[in-house]
Amino acid sequence: MAGWAFRIVLIAAVGLSACCAARNAAPAVAGKDASIKTSPDHEIARSSVALPPPDPAGGTPAEYPGVHNVVAFGEGLYSGSVPEGDAGFDTLVALGVRTIISVDGARPDVERAERRGLRYVHLPIGYSGMDERRTLELARAVHDLPGPIYLHCHHGKHRSAGAAGAVAVTLGRLTADEALLRMKVSGTSPAYKGLYQCVSAATVADGARLLSADDSFPRVWRTSGLVRSMVEIEHAHEHLRLIEKAAWTTPRDHPDLVPAAEAGRLADLLRNLIEHESSRSRPAEYVEWMRESARLAAGLEDALVRTQARDAPGADRAAISHADLSGRLALIAQTCKDCHARYRD
């Protein structure tokens, strides 16, 4: 009943999403068939359902049903969280969104999007930022594909904001300073210096440079195999052990390790394994262990973000002890150990 009530409320506003879509649409790539089959119901929904888009000058993130922490990086480019179920995708339709770009590691819900006529592009980035190649790929996708564009990671605070900021600068829609301010509205943690650096270093791309970027725009990025994923998980865990030994700071002999970024990478890898094809034949208990490990890793990331940001003006100064952080890491290790004992060893 709640889903139908939401649709009824949305249908009360007429015409705005169609106008927004027409105003923000960009030409498709020459020679590419970007069309998506849509049902008549969703074609009607696109032309008659509307929600007010986030304000490009707004000072706080917008909240919608199933979509959170939404911030505009200029007209027609929105950063936010992963869409949650039907409500999230219905919200994107109501906002006039025509293309979704995920920079999260997990497999996007392409099928749910395409049933609503939405194009999905999957171009993951890390918490340490992205190279120029990935920046140009994202910028070309935003430039070439129909808008408005919704760009998301998992929570919609860090990676999606960094990617949207770098894209907006690369396309000349925002200056670097303007994009950095929008990242702060999104709540991007100062701990993720690489994401801020991507925006600070971005420059406006001319036509030739933009056209040099790959335009395959994959629906689902080719992910690494199970064995490689397990190795990467082990590496992330080892990095966190080194960080723990350095009193939960960046180790002097490993200046490239950012505590919150390593915990975030671990959470991302574990979430990705839940969707891996090998998990489909596993018992429900195995998947639940993966889900619990990902939840614990995300909790450690959040604690590290709050620890590193607590000295900033206006931040929550409640101390998070090293013992608490170590306890969180120990829980992750124990969950992995229990799973290995039953399904690997």
Protein backbone atom coordinates (compact mmCIF):
# COMPACT_ATOMS: atom_id res chain seq x y z
CA MET A 1 0.00 0.00 0.00
CA ALA A 2 2.86 2.38 0.82
CA GLY A 3 4.28 1.97 -2.70
CA TRP A 4 0.92 2.80 -4.30
CA ALA A 5 0.47 5.78 -1.97
CA PHE A 6 3.87 7.07 -3.01
CA ARG A 7 2.96 6.78 -6.71
CA ILE A 8 -0.35 8.58 -6.12
CA VAL A 9 1.45 11.47 -4.39
CA LEU A 10 3.93 11.69 -7.23
CA ILE A 11 1.26 11.80 -9.90
CA ALA A 12 -0.18 14.95 -8.26
CA ALA A 13 2.47 17.10 -9.96
CA VAL A 14 2.36 17.18 -13.76
CA GLY A 15 4.86 18.01 -16.49
CA LEU A 16 7.94 19.13 -14.56
CA SER A 17 10.06 16.02 -15.10
CA ALA A 18 9.46 16.05 -18.85
CA CYS A 19 10.57 19.69 -19.02
CA CYS A 20 13.66 18.97 -16.92
CA ALA A 21 14.57 15.97 -19.04
CA ALA A 22 14.25 17.95 -22.26
CA ARG A 23 16.27 20.87 -20.91
CA ASN A 24 19.14 18.73 -19.59
CA ALA A 25 19.31 16.05 -22.27
CA ALA A 26 22.64 15.67 -24.06
CA PRO A 27 23.04 14.14 -27.52
CA ALA A 28 23.72 10.41 -27.57
CA VAL A 29 27.01 9.08 -28.90
CA ALA A 30 27.02 8.90 -32.67
CA GLY A 31 26.48 5.38 -33.87
CA LYS A 32 25.37 4.14 -30.46
CA ASP A 33 21.90 2.75 -29.78
CA ALA A 34 21.24 3.93 -26.23
CA SER A 35 17.52 3.18 -26.39
CA ILE A 36 15.92 1.20 -23.57
CA LYS A 37 12.67 -0.68 -23.94
CA THR A 38 10.05 0.70 -21.59
CA SER A 39 6.59 -0.43 -20.67
CA PRO A 40 3.65 1.86 -21.51
CA ASP A 41 3.08 2.38 -17.77
CA HIS A 42 6.53 3.77 -17.24
CA GLU A 43 6.34 5.93 -20.37
CA ILE A 44 3.23 7.50 -18.86
CA ALA A 45 4.97 7.87 -15.50
CA ARG A 46 7.90 9.71 -17.06
CA SER A 47 5.67 12.33 -18.65
CA SER A 48 3.26 12.86 -15.76
CA VAL A 49 5.16 12.35 -12.50
CA ALA A 50 7.43 14.99 -10.96
CA LEU A 51 9.39 15.82 -7.85
CA PRO A 52 11.34 19.04 -7.26
CA PRO A 53 15.03 18.46 -8.09
CA PRO A 54 17.79 19.35 -5.61
CA ASP A 55 18.80 23.01 -5.59
CA PRO A 56 22.20 23.54 -7.30
CA ALA A 57 22.91 26.22 -4.69
CA GLY A 58 21.39 24.34 -1.75
CA GLY A 59 23.40 24.14 1.44
CA THR A 60 22.03 20.80 2.66
CA PRO A 61 21.50 17.43 0.94
CA ALA A 62 17.98 16.59 -0.23
CA GLU A 63 16.17 13.47 0.99
CA TYR A 64 13.68 11.52 -1.13
CA PRO A 65 11.94 8.14 -0.75
CA GLY A 66 14.59 5.47 -1.35
CA VAL A 67 17.27 7.99 -2.35
CA HIS A 68 19.38 9.86 0.19
CA ASN A 69 21.98 12.61 0.50
CA VAL A 70 21.17 14.04 -2.93
CA VAL A 71 23.24 17.08 -3.92
CA ALA A 72 23.23 18.90 -7.26
CA PHE A 73 26.59 19.63 -8.89
CA GLY A 74 25.11 22.12 -11.33
CA GLU A 75 21.96 21.72 -13.39
CA GLY A 76 21.04 18.14 -14.21
CA LEU A 77 23.93 16.38 -12.40
CA TYR A 78 22.98 14.87 -9.04
CA SER A 79 25.10 12.93 -6.55
CA GLY A 80 23.55 10.63 -3.96
CA SER A 81 23.11 7.19 -2.44
CA VAL A 82 22.39 3.91 -4.16
CA PRO A 83 18.65 3.73 -5.05
CA GLU A 84 16.80 1.50 -2.57
CA GLY A 85 14.29 -0.84 -4.19
CA ASP A 86 11.27 0.29 -6.20
CA ALA A 87 10.85 3.48 -4.17
CA GLY A 88 14.36 4.64 -5.03
CA PHE A 89 14.02 4.07 -8.75
CA ASP A 90 10.51 5.56 -8.80
CA THR A 91 12.00 8.66 -7.18
CA LEU A 92 14.63 8.93 -9.90
CA VAL A 93 11.92 8.72 -12.55
CA ALA A 94 10.00 11.43 -10.69
CA LEU A 95 13.10 13.63 -10.68
CA GLY A 96 13.28 13.31 -14.45
CA VAL A 97 16.53 11.31 -14.33
CA ARG A 98 17.29 9.45 -17.54
CA THR A 99 20.78 8.04 -16.88
CA ILE A 100 22.22 6.52 -13.69
CA ILE A 101 25.98 6.21 -13.22
CA SER A 102 27.32 4.05 -10.38
CA VAL A 103 30.86 4.53 -9.09
CA ASP A 104 30.28 1.91 -6.36
CA GLY A 105 31.98 -1.47 -6.59
CA ALA A 106 28.79 -3.52 -6.16
CA ARG A 107 26.78 -4.68 -9.16
CA PRO A 108 24.03 -2.14 -9.92
CA ASP A 109 20.37 -3.13 -10.12
CA VAL A 110 20.30 -2.75 -13.90
CA GLU A 111 17.09 -4.72 -14.39
CA ARG A 112 15.03 -2.58 -12.01
CA ALA A 113 16.34 0.57 -13.70
CA GLU A 114 15.71 -0.60 -17.24
CA ARG A 115 12.13 -1.58 -16.43
CA ARG A 116 11.63 2.14 -15.85
CA GLY A 117 13.42 3.21 -19.00
CA LEU A 118 16.57 4.33 -17.18
CA ARG A 119 20.05 3.81 -18.62
CA TYR A 120 22.66 2.41 -16.18
CA VAL A 121 26.43 2.89 -16.49
CA HIS A 122 28.86 1.24 -14.07
CA LEU A 123 32.31 2.85 -13.70
CA PRO A 124 33.61 2.12 -10.17
CA ILE A 125 36.23 4.25 -8.42
CA GLY A 126 38.14 3.83 -5.16
CA TYR A 127 38.19 5.87 -1.98
CA SER A 128 41.66 7.09 -2.94
CA GLY A 129 40.22 8.80 -6.01
CA MET A 130 40.61 8.04 -9.70
CA ASP A 131 43.06 8.57 -12.51
CA GLU A 132 42.57 10.92 -15.46
CA ARG A 133 41.36 8.06 -17.65
CA ARG A 134 38.44 7.26 -15.35
CA THR A 135 37.65 10.96 -14.89
CA LEU A 136 37.38 11.39 -18.66
CA GLU A 137 35.25 8.23 -19.00
CA LEU A 138 32.81 9.57 -16.42
CA ALA A 139 32.84 13.03 -17.98
CA ARG A 140 32.12 11.62 -21.42
CA ALA A 141 29.24 9.54 -20.07
CA VAL A 142 27.71 12.63 -18.44
CA HIS A 143 28.30 14.65 -21.63
CA ASP A 144 27.04 12.10 -24.14
CA LEU A 145 24.15 10.35 -22.41
CA PRO A 146 20.66 11.79 -21.81
CA GLY A 147 20.23 13.85 -18.66
CA PRO A 148 19.48 14.59 -15.94
CA ILE A 149 22.21 12.28 -14.63
CA TYR A 150 22.14 10.61 -11.20
CA LEU A 151 25.63 9.60 -10.04
CA HIS A 152 25.83 7.39 -6.96
CA CYS A 153 28.12 5.34 -4.75
CA HIS A 154 26.84 3.51 -1.66
CA HIS A 155 26.03 6.20 0.90
CA GLY A 156 26.27 9.13 -1.52
CA LYS A 157 28.74 11.11 0.59
CA HIS A 158 32.25 10.40 -0.59
CA ARG A 159 32.97 8.70 -3.94
CA SER A 160 29.90 9.93 -5.82
CA ALA A 161 30.54 13.50 -4.67
CA GLY A 162 34.20 13.31 -5.67
CA ALA A 163 33.30 11.88 -9.06
CA ALA A 164 30.53 14.44 -9.66
CA GLY A 165 32.86 17.26 -8.67
CA ALA A 166 35.64 16.12 -11.00
CA VAL A 167 33.17 15.62 -13.85
CA ALA A 168 31.59 19.05 -13.35
CA VAL A 169 35.02 20.70 -13.51
CA THR A 170 36.13 18.62 -16.52
CA LEU A 171 33.00 19.64 -18.44
CA GLY A 172 33.37 23.30 -17.45
CA ARG A 173 30.14 23.35 -15.47
CA LEU A 174 31.77 24.30 -12.16
CA THR A 175 35.12 25.69 -11.09
CA ALA A 176 37.25 23.51 -8.84
CA ASP A 177 36.45 25.74 -5.85
CA GLU A 178 32.72 25.51 -6.55
CA ALA A 179 32.90 21.72 -6.88
CA LEU A 180 34.86 21.41 -3.63
CA LEU A 181 32.14 23.37 -1.85
CA ARG A 182 29.49 21.01 -3.23
CA MET A 183 31.51 18.05 -1.92
CA LYS A 184 31.37 19.59 1.55
CA VAL A 185 27.58 19.88 1.22
CA SER A 186 27.54 16.14 0.41
CA GLY A 187 29.50 15.49 3.59
CA THR A 188 32.64 14.13 1.92
CA SER A 189 35.10 13.43 4.71
CA PRO A 190 38.43 15.32 4.72
CA ALA A 191 39.99 11.91 5.40
CA TYR A 192 39.54 11.07 1.70
CA LYS A 193 42.24 13.39 0.45
CA GLY A 194 42.48 11.56 -2.87
CA LEU A 195 38.87 12.41 -3.74
CA TYR A 196 39.43 16.08 -3.01
CA GLN A 197 42.69 16.00 -4.98
CA CYS A 198 40.88 14.62 -8.05
CA VAL A 199 38.64 17.68 -8.06
CA SER A 200 41.41 20.17 -7.30
CA ALA A 201 43.54 18.76 -10.13
CA ALA A 202 40.73 18.53 -12.70
CA THR A 203 40.86 20.82 -15.74
CA VAL A 204 38.36 21.63 -18.46
CA ALA A 205 38.66 19.08 -21.28
CA ASP A 206 38.51 20.22 -24.89
CA GLY A 207 36.58 18.23 -27.48
CA ALA A 208 39.51 16.10 -28.62
CA ARG A 209 40.49 15.15 -25.08
CA LEU A 210 36.92 14.24 -24.18
CA LEU A 211 36.50 12.15 -27.34
CA SER A 212 39.66 10.20 -26.46
CA ALA A 213 37.79 8.61 -23.53
CA ASP A 214 36.24 5.16 -23.81
CA ASP A 215 32.56 5.39 -24.73
CA SER A 216 31.52 1.78 -24.17
CA PHE A 217 29.59 2.85 -21.04
CA PRO A 218 29.22 -0.67 -19.52
CA ARG A 219 26.00 -1.60 -17.74
CA VAL A 220 28.02 -3.74 -15.32
CA TRP A 221 31.77 -3.31 -14.90
CA ARG A 222 33.80 -6.48 -15.32
CA THR A 223 34.66 -7.45 -11.76
CA SER A 224 37.60 -9.55 -10.64
CA GLY A 225 37.24 -13.26 -9.94
CA LEU A 226 36.53 -14.79 -6.56
CA VAL A 227 40.16 -15.70 -5.81
CA ARG A 228 41.43 -12.24 -6.71
CA SER A 229 38.68 -10.64 -4.62
CA MET A 230 39.67 -12.76 -1.62
CA VAL A 231 43.31 -11.71 -2.08
CA GLU A 232 42.27 -8.05 -2.20
CA ILE A 233 40.20 -8.53 0.97
CA GLU A 234 43.24 -10.04 2.68
CA HIS A 235 45.40 -7.11 1.56
CA ALA A 236 42.86 -4.60 2.90
CA HIS A 237 42.78 -6.46 6.22
CA GLU A 238 46.60 -6.48 6.39
CA HIS A 239 46.62 -2.74 5.72
CA LEU A 240 44.18 -2.19 8.58
CA ARG A 241 46.45 -4.22 10.87
CA LEU A 242 49.36 -1.92 9.96
CA ILE A 243 47.15 1.09 10.63
CA GLU A 244 46.12 -0.39 13.98
CA LYS A 245 49.79 -0.80 14.96
CA ALA A 246 50.31 2.88 14.09
CA ALA A 247 47.65 3.85 16.66
CA TRP A 248 44.99 4.04 13.96
CA THR A 249 46.85 6.62 11.91
CA THR A 250 48.67 6.43 8.58
CA PRO A 251 51.86 4.37 9.14
CA ARG A 252 55.07 6.29 8.52
CA ASP A 253 56.43 3.53 6.28
CA HIS A 254 53.13 3.32 4.36
CA PRO A 255 52.16 6.97 3.70
CA ASP A 256 49.67 5.89 1.03
CA LEU A 257 47.37 4.15 3.53
CA VAL A 258 44.36 6.20 4.61
CA PRO A 259 42.60 4.48 7.55
CA ALA A 260 38.99 5.23 6.57
CA ALA A 261 39.69 4.50 2.91
CA GLU A 262 41.05 1.03 3.69
CA ALA A 263 38.00 0.19 5.81
CA GLY A 264 35.74 1.52 3.06
CA ARG A 265 37.57 -0.56 0.45
CA LEU A 266 37.13 -3.66 2.60
CA ALA A 267 33.40 -2.99 2.94
CA ASP A 268 33.12 -2.47 -0.80
CA LEU A 269 34.92 -5.73 -1.60
CA LEU A 270 32.69 -7.67 0.78
CA ARG A 271 29.50 -6.13 -0.65
CA ASN A 272 30.72 -7.08 -4.10
CA LEU A 273 31.19 -10.70 -3.05
CA ILE A 274 27.56 -10.90 -1.95
CA GLU A 275 26.58 -10.24 -5.58
CA HIS A 276 29.30 -12.49 -7.06
CA GLU A 277 27.99 -15.38 -9.15
CA SER A 278 29.78 -17.86 -6.88
CA SER A 279 27.55 -16.78 -3.98
CA ARG A 280 24.39 -17.86 -5.78
CA SER A 281 25.10 -21.54 -5.14
CA ARG A 282 26.15 -20.99 -1.53
CA PRO A 283 23.92 -21.55 1.51
CA ALA A 284 22.08 -18.58 2.98
CA GLU A 285 24.39 -18.72 6.01
CA TYR A 286 27.42 -17.98 3.79
CA VAL A 287 25.75 -14.93 2.26
CA GLU A 288 24.68 -13.74 5.72
CA TRP A 289 28.27 -13.98 6.97
CA MET A 290 29.39 -11.87 4.01
CA ARG A 291 26.65 -9.35 4.69
CA GLU A 292 27.59 -9.15 8.38
CA SER A 293 31.28 -8.70 7.53
CA ALA A 294 30.40 -5.88 5.11
CA ARG A 295 28.23 -4.24 7.78
CA LEU A 296 31.03 -4.43 10.34
CA ALA A 297 33.57 -3.02 7.87
CA ALA A 298 31.23 -0.14 7.02
CA GLY A 299 30.85 0.54 10.74
CA LEU A 300 34.63 0.65 11.14
CA GLU A 301 34.87 3.06 8.21
CA ASP A 302 32.26 5.34 9.78
CA ALA A 303 34.08 5.26 13.13
CA LEU A 304 37.39 6.13 11.46
CA VAL A 305 35.81 8.99 9.52
CA ARG A 306 34.39 10.41 12.76
CA THR A 307 37.72 9.92 14.54
CA GLN A 308 39.70 11.75 11.85
CA ALA A 309 37.16 14.55 11.50
CA ARG A 310 36.39 15.21 15.18
CA ASP A 311 38.90 18.07 15.41
CA ALA A 312 37.24 19.94 12.53
CA PRO A 313 35.07 22.98 13.41
CA GLY A 314 31.57 21.92 14.40
CA ALA A 315 32.45 18.23 14.38
CA ASP A 316 31.34 15.67 16.94
CA ARG A 317 34.19 15.63 19.45
CA ALA A 318 33.10 12.46 21.21
CA ALA A 319 36.22 10.34 21.41
CA ILE A 320 36.35 6.91 19.81
CA SER A 321 38.98 4.89 21.64
CA HIS A 322 41.66 2.85 19.94
CA ALA A 323 40.31 -0.14 21.85
CA ASP A 324 36.90 0.37 20.24
CA LEU A 325 38.45 0.51 16.77
CA SER A 326 40.53 -2.59 17.47
CA GLY A 327 37.45 -4.38 18.75
CA ARG A 328 35.63 -3.62 15.51
CA LEU A 329 38.52 -4.97 13.45
CA ALA A 330 38.69 -8.09 15.62
CA LEU A 331 34.99 -8.76 15.01
CA ILE A 332 35.54 -8.57 11.25
CA ALA A 333 38.49 -10.96 11.50
CA GLN A 334 36.48 -13.42 13.62
CA THR A 335 33.55 -13.38 11.21
CA CYS A 336 35.89 -14.12 8.30
CA LYS A 337 37.60 -16.88 10.33
CA ASP A 338 34.28 -18.55 11.16
CA CYS A 339 33.22 -18.44 7.51
CA HIS A 340 36.57 -19.87 6.35
CA ALA A 341 36.38 -22.69 8.89
CA ARG A 342 33.03 -23.79 7.51
CA TYR A 343 33.33 -23.09 3.78
CA ARG A 344 37.02 -22.92 2.85
CA ASP A 345 39.34 -24.76 5.27
